[in-house]
């Protein structure tokens, strides 16, 4: 890797294949090369690195874990893949942890340099990018829920995702369809109905006369 210039490396990355010569040279002046040992974290869930990481060699796993340390593998990344673009676009923490499976060499591009490659923040293109990132985050969360949570946990998380803030309370406006909720969490309608009934009997949710559902603080704290 040391024998190649940054520009040579940039030209080998599919992500940058459509750049003009001037754009590629600008990126090449901004990136730095970094090496990660096997088992070392490249990014960590819940934190911000403010960088884009492009794999040059090696392999890395994208993983999510619950409080008991159980992991689900969301993806396996190889040379040419990249990490951190969602966090750079929406300025939110990383949604998953990425760990090097073997010795892995990467190019690192900082936030300011990355932003210069994007359209203006006010443009329609940037709004679409942010929308796509939100969909990807939701998909990661759904995969994690299906793999790591039981039906109670998946129902509780789905209810929270459906709720809006209303004077400090979490409220789902309108009737919650048991059938739709069952499809969302990957369980039978009968099982979801039992879970909803149990949550109500335990005082974790409250159904209003209007059909709206109020989520109690204890449910919010445990989901």
Protein backbone atom coordinates (compact mmCIF):
# COMPACT_ATOMS: atom_id res chain seq x y z
CA UNK A 1 0.00 0.00 0.00
CA UNK A 2 2.89 2.38 0.76
CA UNK A 3 4.16 2.09 -2.85
CA UNK A 4 1.00 3.64 -4.26
CA UNK A 5 0.09 7.32 -4.13
CA UNK A 6 -3.20 8.47 -2.62
CA UNK A 7 -4.41 9.31 -6.12
CA UNK A 8 -3.63 5.78 -7.30
CA UNK A 9 -5.58 4.39 -4.36
CA UNK A 10 -8.52 6.72 -4.98
CA UNK A 11 -8.72 5.55 -8.59
CA UNK A 12 -8.99 1.94 -7.42
CA UNK A 13 -12.04 2.62 -5.23
CA UNK A 14 -15.40 2.12 -7.05
CA UNK A 15 -17.02 4.86 -4.94
CA UNK A 16 -14.76 7.45 -6.61
CA UNK A 17 -14.82 6.00 -10.13
CA UNK A 18 -17.00 8.82 -11.52
CA UNK A 19 -14.85 11.68 -10.19
CA UNK A 20 -13.14 14.05 -12.59
CA UNK A 21 -9.37 14.27 -12.44
CA UNK A 22 -9.57 17.51 -10.46
CA UNK A 23 -12.05 16.03 -7.97
CA UNK A 24 -9.94 12.90 -7.54
CA UNK A 25 -6.83 14.98 -6.91
CA UNK A 26 -8.69 17.07 -4.31
CA UNK A 27 -9.85 13.93 -2.48
CA UNK A 28 -6.38 12.39 -2.71
CA UNK A 29 -4.88 15.40 -0.95
CA UNK A 30 -7.37 15.02 1.92
CA UNK A 31 -7.38 11.29 2.70
CA UNK A 32 -5.06 9.53 5.11
CA UNK A 33 -4.21 5.84 5.22
CA UNK A 34 -4.84 3.86 8.38
CA UNK A 35 -4.32 0.21 9.36
CA UNK A 36 -6.50 -1.76 11.81
CA UNK A 37 -5.45 -5.00 13.47
CA UNK A 38 -7.72 -8.04 13.62
CA UNK A 39 -10.46 -7.44 16.22
CA UNK A 40 -9.91 -3.68 16.35
CA UNK A 41 -12.97 -1.41 16.11
CA UNK A 42 -13.12 0.88 13.09
CA UNK A 43 -16.30 2.61 14.27
CA UNK A 44 -18.40 2.05 17.39
CA UNK A 45 -22.16 2.18 17.69
CA UNK A 46 -23.47 5.31 19.42
CA UNK A 47 -20.36 7.36 18.69
CA UNK A 48 -19.35 9.77 15.96
CA UNK A 49 -16.07 9.60 14.07
CA UNK A 50 -16.83 12.40 11.59
CA UNK A 51 -15.06 10.43 8.88
CA UNK A 52 -15.69 8.19 5.89
CA UNK A 53 -13.68 4.95 5.91
CA UNK A 54 -12.99 3.17 2.60
CA UNK A 55 -11.62 -0.38 2.81
CA UNK A 56 -8.54 -0.98 0.66
CA UNK A 57 -7.64 -4.46 1.86
CA UNK A 58 -8.89 -6.89 4.47
CA UNK A 59 -12.39 -7.58 5.76
CA UNK A 60 -14.68 -6.12 8.45
CA UNK A 61 -17.97 -7.06 10.10
CA UNK A 62 -20.86 -4.70 10.76
CA UNK A 63 -22.48 -5.87 14.01
CA UNK A 64 -25.15 -4.84 16.51
CA UNK A 65 -25.40 -6.22 20.05
CA UNK A 66 -27.89 -6.22 22.91
CA UNK A 67 -27.18 -5.46 26.57
CA UNK A 68 -26.22 -9.11 27.16
CA UNK A 69 -23.55 -9.01 24.49
CA UNK A 70 -25.41 -11.12 21.91
CA UNK A 71 -24.45 -10.01 18.42
CA UNK A 72 -26.10 -10.05 15.01
CA UNK A 73 -23.99 -9.57 11.87
CA UNK A 74 -25.61 -6.95 9.63
CA UNK A 75 -23.02 -7.10 6.85
CA UNK A 76 -19.51 -8.23 5.93
CA UNK A 77 -17.41 -5.57 4.20
CA UNK A 78 -14.48 -6.11 1.85
CA UNK A 79 -12.14 -4.01 -0.29
CA UNK A 80 -14.01 -1.20 -2.02
CA UNK A 81 -16.76 -1.00 0.61
CA UNK A 82 -17.10 2.05 2.85
CA UNK A 83 -18.23 2.94 6.38
CA UNK A 84 -19.58 6.05 8.06
CA UNK A 85 -21.45 7.69 5.18
CA UNK A 86 -24.81 7.65 6.99
CA UNK A 87 -23.43 9.44 10.04
CA UNK A 88 -21.76 12.05 7.85
CA UNK A 89 -24.96 12.73 5.91
CA UNK A 90 -27.41 13.00 8.83
CA UNK A 91 -24.91 13.95 11.59
CA UNK A 92 -26.19 11.18 13.87
CA UNK A 93 -24.05 8.63 15.76
CA UNK A 94 -23.13 5.36 14.08
CA UNK A 95 -26.00 2.84 14.11
CA UNK A 96 -23.70 -0.19 14.31
CA UNK A 97 -20.18 -1.24 15.26
CA UNK A 98 -17.65 -2.20 12.59
CA UNK A 99 -14.83 -4.56 13.61
CA UNK A 100 -11.86 -5.67 11.51
CA UNK A 101 -11.95 -9.44 10.94
CA UNK A 102 -8.38 -9.48 9.65
CA UNK A 103 -5.68 -6.83 9.26
CA UNK A 104 -7.50 -4.12 7.31
CA UNK A 105 -6.15 -1.06 5.52
CA UNK A 106 -8.47 1.90 4.96
CA UNK A 107 -8.53 5.40 3.55
CA UNK A 108 -10.05 7.98 5.88
CA UNK A 109 -11.81 11.09 4.58
CA UNK A 110 -12.82 13.80 7.07
CA UNK A 111 -16.24 15.44 7.36
CA UNK A 112 -15.35 18.74 5.68
CA UNK A 113 -13.72 17.03 2.73
CA UNK A 114 -16.65 14.62 2.42
CA UNK A 115 -19.16 17.51 2.53
CA UNK A 116 -17.46 19.12 -0.46
CA UNK A 117 -18.40 16.04 -2.49
CA UNK A 118 -22.10 16.45 -1.67
CA UNK A 119 -24.70 18.81 -3.14
CA UNK A 120 -25.68 21.88 -1.17
CA UNK A 121 -27.54 21.17 2.09
CA UNK A 122 -30.61 23.02 0.82
CA UNK A 123 -30.88 21.03 -2.40
CA UNK A 124 -33.44 18.36 -3.19
CA UNK A 125 -30.63 15.86 -3.71
CA UNK A 126 -29.37 16.30 -0.18
CA UNK A 127 -32.89 15.93 1.23
CA UNK A 128 -33.26 12.68 -0.68
CA UNK A 129 -29.92 11.46 0.68
CA UNK A 130 -31.05 12.14 4.24
CA UNK A 131 -34.30 10.30 3.59
CA UNK A 132 -32.45 7.27 2.25
CA UNK A 133 -30.14 7.25 5.25
CA UNK A 134 -33.15 7.26 7.59
CA UNK A 135 -34.57 4.26 5.75
CA UNK A 136 -31.28 2.42 6.09
CA UNK A 137 -31.14 3.16 9.81
CA UNK A 138 -34.68 1.85 10.21
CA UNK A 139 -33.78 -1.29 8.27
CA UNK A 140 -30.74 -1.92 10.49
CA UNK A 141 -32.91 -1.45 13.57
CA UNK A 142 -35.53 -3.86 12.23
CA UNK A 143 -32.93 -6.55 11.49
CA UNK A 144 -31.45 -6.10 14.95
CA UNK A 145 -34.88 -6.38 16.59
CA UNK A 146 -35.80 -9.55 14.72
CA UNK A 147 -32.49 -11.17 15.63
CA UNK A 148 -32.02 -10.08 19.23
CA UNK A 149 -35.42 -9.28 20.78
CA UNK A 150 -38.29 -11.56 21.75
CA UNK A 151 -41.84 -10.75 20.61
CA UNK A 152 -42.47 -8.55 23.67
CA UNK A 153 -39.36 -6.54 22.95
CA UNK A 154 -40.14 -6.23 19.23
CA UNK A 155 -43.71 -5.07 19.93
CA UNK A 156 -42.52 -2.52 22.49
CA UNK A 157 -39.90 -1.14 20.10
CA UNK A 158 -42.41 -1.00 17.23
CA UNK A 159 -44.87 0.92 19.40
CA UNK A 160 -42.17 3.43 20.32
CA UNK A 161 -41.25 3.88 16.65
CA UNK A 162 -44.91 4.58 15.84
CA UNK A 163 -45.41 7.10 18.66
CA UNK A 164 -45.14 10.89 18.57
CA UNK A 165 -44.31 13.29 21.40
CA UNK A 166 -47.37 15.00 22.90
CA UNK A 167 -46.73 17.30 25.88
CA UNK A 168 -43.94 15.07 27.15
CA UNK A 169 -45.83 11.80 26.57
CA UNK A 170 -45.44 9.18 23.84
CA UNK A 171 -48.73 8.79 21.97
CA UNK A 172 -49.79 6.73 18.95
CA UNK A 173 -52.64 8.60 17.28
CA UNK A 174 -55.28 6.38 15.76
CA UNK A 175 -56.06 2.71 16.28
CA UNK A 176 -53.11 0.29 16.23
CA UNK A 177 -53.86 -2.53 13.79
CA UNK A 178 -52.86 -5.84 15.35
CA UNK A 179 -52.50 -7.36 11.89
CA UNK A 180 -50.14 -4.64 10.66
CA UNK A 181 -48.18 -4.73 13.91
CA UNK A 182 -47.82 -8.52 13.59
CA UNK A 183 -46.41 -8.15 10.07
CA UNK A 184 -44.02 -5.47 11.29
CA UNK A 185 -42.54 -7.55 14.12
CA UNK A 186 -42.62 -10.93 12.39
CA UNK A 187 -45.12 -12.66 14.69
CA UNK A 188 -48.68 -13.99 14.50
CA UNK A 189 -51.65 -11.69 15.01
CA UNK A 190 -52.76 -13.82 17.96
CA UNK A 191 -49.36 -13.50 19.66
CA UNK A 192 -49.29 -9.74 19.16
CA UNK A 193 -52.82 -9.43 20.56
CA UNK A 194 -51.75 -11.33 23.68
CA UNK A 195 -48.69 -9.11 24.09
CA UNK A 196 -50.77 -5.94 23.70
CA UNK A 197 -53.32 -7.20 26.23
CA UNK A 198 -50.55 -8.05 28.69
CA UNK A 199 -48.90 -4.64 28.25
CA UNK A 200 -52.22 -2.95 28.96
CA UNK A 201 -52.93 -5.11 32.04
CA UNK A 202 -49.47 -4.28 33.40
CA UNK A 203 -50.09 -0.57 32.93
CA UNK A 204 -47.39 -0.11 30.31
CA UNK A 205 -49.79 1.17 27.66
CA UNK A 206 -53.25 2.75 27.82
CA UNK A 207 -55.80 2.79 25.01
CA UNK A 208 -57.92 5.94 24.87
CA UNK A 209 -61.61 6.14 23.85
CA UNK A 210 -60.44 7.69 20.58
CA UNK A 211 -58.32 4.62 19.82
CA UNK A 212 -55.04 6.43 20.48
CA UNK A 213 -52.47 4.54 22.56
CA UNK A 214 -50.46 6.23 25.31
CA UNK A 215 -47.10 4.64 26.12
CA UNK A 216 -46.16 4.81 29.79
CA UNK A 217 -42.69 5.77 30.99
CA UNK A 218 -41.89 2.23 32.14
CA UNK A 219 -42.37 0.92 28.60
CA UNK A 220 -40.19 3.69 27.18
CA UNK A 221 -37.46 2.88 29.72
CA UNK A 222 -37.42 -0.85 29.01
CA UNK A 223 -37.76 -0.97 25.21
